[in-house]
């Protein structure tokens, strides 16, 4: 499932009006409306200048990494990341992402302990591909329609193996046969149009590491295990 081109066009070209701020966010995250004529959409805008420095990721790169995470999600066809663009806004260059209305009736703790939820299994494969260093339970957004989105991918794509997630329940078990063709297709696209699009968002070393991770994932044919050199679970986990 690919994102609606009209939604992406609105996010990219509409006028952004800031309406509030997500005060619990680690970095500046602004609640906004983006509008073009009669079309309007609620979104989150994270300007680069509002990013806090991290010791293990280059300064000012989180918005680009979130955008790269969306492009990989699109290439997989899994619609894990909400529609996302990198653009200029009222506070400068930043990531603009469609807002997702969450189904508050879903118990995240119960969801996270599921062993047979195909949405979570797909998410775990996706996180292994993008080397997600911060898959918290609160970064999962279940909708009333039954879809499951993942957000906050600013600390993905490190050239070092930094997978840190609450979704380890399938570690060491075989990858689902129905997901492997999508992963293989994305690996091929990293040598083509997808790789070209990511070159403006990631470093060459990060792109090489992404290709290597996918090669190793497909060759092993199993979900990754914690490597012991990096905390396996983010804190707080929710």
Protein backbone atom coordinates (compact mmCIF):
# COMPACT_ATOMS: atom_id res chain seq x y z
CA UNK A 1 0.00 0.00 0.00
CA UNK A 2 1.55 3.28 -1.13
CA UNK A 3 0.71 6.74 0.18
CA UNK A 4 -1.82 8.89 -1.64
CA UNK A 5 0.09 11.23 -4.00
CA UNK A 6 -2.41 13.99 -3.20
CA UNK A 7 -1.55 13.75 0.51
CA UNK A 8 2.17 13.90 -0.24
CA UNK A 9 1.63 16.86 -2.54
CA UNK A 10 -0.30 18.72 0.15
CA UNK A 11 2.38 18.02 2.74
CA UNK A 12 5.10 19.17 0.36
CA UNK A 13 3.50 22.30 -1.06
CA UNK A 14 0.72 23.45 1.26
CA UNK A 15 0.93 26.38 3.64
CA UNK A 16 1.83 25.30 7.18
CA UNK A 17 0.08 26.94 10.13
CA UNK A 18 1.42 26.09 13.58
CA UNK A 19 -1.36 25.35 16.07
CA UNK A 20 0.48 23.87 19.04
CA UNK A 21 3.42 21.85 20.33
CA UNK A 22 3.81 18.26 21.50
CA UNK A 23 5.39 19.06 24.86
CA UNK A 24 6.39 15.46 25.66
CA UNK A 25 8.49 15.07 22.50
CA UNK A 26 12.27 14.77 22.84
CA UNK A 27 12.80 17.31 20.07
CA UNK A 28 10.68 20.24 18.90
CA UNK A 29 7.50 18.75 17.41
CA UNK A 30 4.84 21.21 16.25
CA UNK A 31 1.18 20.34 15.73
CA UNK A 32 0.11 22.02 12.51
CA UNK A 33 -2.38 22.31 9.73
CA UNK A 34 -1.14 22.27 6.15
CA UNK A 35 -3.53 23.81 3.62
CA UNK A 36 -3.76 24.42 -0.12
CA UNK A 37 -7.04 25.99 -1.20
CA UNK A 38 -9.90 23.91 0.17
CA UNK A 39 -7.64 20.97 1.01
CA UNK A 40 -6.29 20.74 4.54
CA UNK A 41 -4.51 18.14 6.62
CA UNK A 42 -3.32 17.89 10.21
CA UNK A 43 0.40 17.18 10.46
CA UNK A 44 3.47 17.16 12.66
CA UNK A 45 6.33 19.47 11.74
CA UNK A 46 9.77 18.83 13.25
CA UNK A 47 12.21 21.58 12.25
CA UNK A 48 15.91 20.76 12.13
CA UNK A 49 16.72 23.73 14.34
CA UNK A 50 14.64 22.15 17.11
CA UNK A 51 16.67 18.92 17.18
CA UNK A 52 18.68 18.26 20.33
CA UNK A 53 22.27 17.07 19.72
CA UNK A 54 22.93 13.35 20.20
CA UNK A 55 26.27 11.79 21.01
CA UNK A 56 25.93 8.97 18.46
CA UNK A 57 24.23 10.68 15.49
CA UNK A 58 25.40 13.73 13.52
CA UNK A 59 23.72 17.00 14.47
CA UNK A 60 20.84 18.19 12.34
CA UNK A 61 20.15 14.87 10.61
CA UNK A 62 17.03 13.54 12.34
CA UNK A 63 14.50 15.07 9.93
CA UNK A 64 16.36 13.59 6.97
CA UNK A 65 16.44 10.17 8.66
CA UNK A 66 12.70 10.29 9.30
CA UNK A 67 12.17 11.09 5.63
CA UNK A 68 14.48 8.25 4.59
CA UNK A 69 12.51 5.89 6.84
CA UNK A 70 9.33 6.86 5.00
CA UNK A 71 10.93 6.22 1.60
CA UNK A 72 11.98 2.71 2.65
CA UNK A 73 8.49 2.06 4.03
CA UNK A 74 7.02 3.15 0.70
CA UNK A 75 9.42 0.97 -1.26
CA UNK A 76 8.42 -2.04 0.82
CA UNK A 77 4.75 -1.25 0.24
CA UNK A 78 3.94 -1.84 3.92
CA UNK A 79 2.76 1.70 4.80
CA UNK A 80 4.49 1.55 8.17
CA UNK A 81 5.50 5.22 8.23
CA UNK A 82 2.81 7.89 7.75
CA UNK A 83 3.24 10.13 4.68
CA UNK A 84 6.35 12.23 5.28
CA UNK A 85 8.26 14.92 3.40
CA UNK A 86 11.31 17.09 4.02
CA UNK A 87 10.60 20.74 3.27
CA UNK A 88 10.91 24.33 4.38
CA UNK A 89 8.40 25.49 6.97
CA UNK A 90 7.75 28.42 9.30
CA UNK A 91 10.80 27.51 11.43
CA UNK A 92 13.03 26.42 8.55
CA UNK A 93 13.81 23.05 7.00
CA UNK A 94 12.14 20.14 8.70
CA UNK A 95 10.17 16.92 8.49
CA UNK A 96 6.43 17.21 7.89
CA UNK A 97 4.38 14.09 8.56
CA UNK A 98 0.66 13.39 8.34
CA UNK A 99 -1.04 13.16 11.73
CA UNK A 100 -2.46 9.74 12.68
CA UNK A 101 -5.58 9.43 14.83
CA UNK A 102 -4.92 6.61 17.29
CA UNK A 103 -7.45 4.05 18.46
CA UNK A 104 -7.25 4.68 22.21
CA UNK A 105 -9.12 1.45 22.95
CA UNK A 106 -6.08 -0.64 21.96
CA UNK A 107 -4.01 -1.81 24.95
CA UNK A 108 -0.40 -1.28 23.85
CA UNK A 109 0.96 -3.68 26.46
CA UNK A 110 -1.25 -6.49 25.17
CA UNK A 111 -0.37 -5.60 21.59
CA UNK A 112 3.36 -5.65 22.28
CA UNK A 113 3.18 -9.16 23.76
CA UNK A 114 1.48 -10.60 20.69
CA UNK A 115 3.24 -13.46 18.94
CA UNK A 116 0.89 -13.72 15.98
CA UNK A 117 0.16 -10.10 14.99
CA UNK A 118 1.32 -9.85 11.38
CA UNK A 119 1.50 -6.05 11.60
CA UNK A 120 4.02 -6.27 14.43
CA UNK A 121 5.99 -8.96 12.64
CA UNK A 122 6.26 -6.70 9.60
CA UNK A 123 7.33 -3.85 11.87
CA UNK A 124 10.11 -5.99 13.35
CA UNK A 125 11.46 -6.78 9.87
CA UNK A 126 11.25 -3.12 8.90
CA UNK A 127 13.16 -2.06 12.02
CA UNK A 128 15.91 -4.55 11.22
CA UNK A 129 16.24 -3.06 7.73
CA UNK A 130 16.45 0.57 8.87
CA UNK A 131 18.47 -0.25 12.01
CA UNK A 132 15.96 1.43 14.31
CA UNK A 133 17.66 2.40 17.56
CA UNK A 134 14.46 3.46 19.32
CA UNK A 135 11.39 1.27 18.72
CA UNK A 136 9.38 2.11 21.82
CA UNK A 137 5.86 0.87 22.38
CA UNK A 138 4.62 4.45 22.31
CA UNK A 139 5.94 4.78 18.76
CA UNK A 140 3.27 2.36 17.55
CA UNK A 141 0.02 3.96 16.40
CA UNK A 142 -2.91 1.55 15.94
CA UNK A 143 -5.87 3.04 14.08
CA UNK A 144 -9.59 2.33 14.31
CA UNK A 145 -9.37 0.89 10.78
CA UNK A 146 -6.96 -1.79 11.98
CA UNK A 147 -3.75 -0.39 10.49
CA UNK A 148 -0.58 -0.05 12.57
CA UNK A 149 1.79 2.84 11.93
CA UNK A 150 5.25 3.44 13.36
CA UNK A 151 6.66 6.90 14.05
CA UNK A 152 9.77 8.65 15.39
CA UNK A 153 12.45 7.22 13.10
CA UNK A 154 15.03 9.95 13.65
CA UNK A 155 17.63 7.55 15.02
CA UNK A 156 17.65 5.00 12.22
CA UNK A 157 20.22 4.10 9.55
CA UNK A 158 23.37 4.32 11.67
CA UNK A 159 26.35 2.69 9.98
CA UNK A 160 26.84 0.79 13.27
CA UNK A 161 24.43 -1.97 14.30
CA UNK A 162 22.16 -0.27 16.84
CA UNK A 163 18.86 -2.15 16.67
CA UNK A 164 17.01 -1.39 19.90
CA UNK A 165 13.39 -2.42 20.09
CA UNK A 166 10.57 -3.83 22.18
CA UNK A 167 9.79 -6.30 19.38
CA UNK A 168 12.23 -9.14 20.08
CA UNK A 169 9.61 -11.89 20.39
CA UNK A 170 10.56 -13.39 17.01
CA UNK A 171 14.34 -13.24 17.45
CA UNK A 172 16.10 -16.15 15.76
CA UNK A 173 12.92 -17.47 14.12
CA UNK A 174 12.49 -17.76 10.33
CA UNK A 175 11.48 -14.70 8.36
CA UNK A 176 7.93 -14.99 6.96
CA UNK A 177 8.02 -16.23 3.38
CA UNK A 178 5.51 -13.62 2.27
CA UNK A 179 7.75 -10.73 3.39
CA UNK A 180 11.04 -11.83 1.84
CA UNK A 181 10.14 -10.86 -1.76
CA UNK A 182 9.40 -7.29 -0.63
CA UNK A 183 12.71 -7.13 1.25
CA UNK A 184 14.57 -8.48 -1.78
CA UNK A 185 12.90 -5.91 -4.02
CA UNK A 186 13.96 -3.06 -1.72
CA UNK A 187 17.51 -4.38 -1.72
CA UNK A 188 17.52 -4.20 -5.52
CA UNK A 189 16.00 -0.71 -5.46
CA UNK A 190 18.81 0.47 -3.18
CA UNK A 191 21.04 0.05 -6.23
CA UNK A 192 18.56 2.10 -8.29
CA UNK A 193 16.00 4.83 -7.73
CA UNK A 194 15.58 4.30 -3.99
CA UNK A 195 19.31 4.51 -3.41
CA UNK A 196 19.46 7.69 -5.49
CA UNK A 197 16.68 9.26 -3.40
CA UNK A 198 18.37 8.28 -0.13
CA UNK A 199 21.75 9.73 -1.12
CA UNK A 200 20.55 13.23 -0.27
CA UNK A 201 19.32 12.08 3.16
CA UNK A 202 21.98 9.62 4.40
CA UNK A 203 25.74 9.25 4.16
CA UNK A 204 27.44 6.82 1.80
CA UNK A 205 28.54 4.73 4.78
CA UNK A 206 24.95 4.55 6.05
CA UNK A 207 23.68 3.47 2.64
CA UNK A 208 26.37 0.79 2.39
CA UNK A 209 25.44 -0.43 5.87
CA UNK A 210 21.75 -0.59 4.90
CA UNK A 211 22.58 -2.75 1.89
CA UNK A 212 24.77 -4.97 4.06
CA UNK A 213 22.08 -5.39 6.70
CA UNK A 214 19.51 -6.47 4.14
CA UNK A 215 21.98 -8.89 2.52
CA UNK A 216 22.74 -10.43 5.92
CA UNK A 217 19.07 -10.56 6.89
CA UNK A 218 18.11 -12.40 3.70
CA UNK A 219 21.12 -14.70 3.85
CA UNK A 220 20.39 -15.70 7.46
CA UNK A 221 16.66 -16.04 6.79
CA UNK A 222 15.81 -15.33 10.43
CA UNK A 223 14.91 -12.37 12.61
CA UNK A 224 18.02 -10.77 14.15
CA UNK A 225 19.18 -11.41 17.68
CA UNK A 226 20.43 -8.73 20.11
CA UNK A 227 24.14 -8.30 19.44
CA UNK A 228 25.22 -7.75 23.04
CA UNK A 229 27.18 -4.60 22.16
CA UNK A 230 24.22 -2.24 22.46
CA UNK A 231 21.21 -2.12 24.81
CA UNK A 232 18.56 -4.35 23.27
CA UNK A 233 15.52 -2.42 24.54
CA UNK A 234 15.01 1.37 24.54
CA UNK A 235 14.32 3.25 27.75
CA UNK A 236 11.63 3.86 28.63
CA UNK A 237 10.23 0.92 26.66
CA UNK A 238 6.80 2.57 26.33
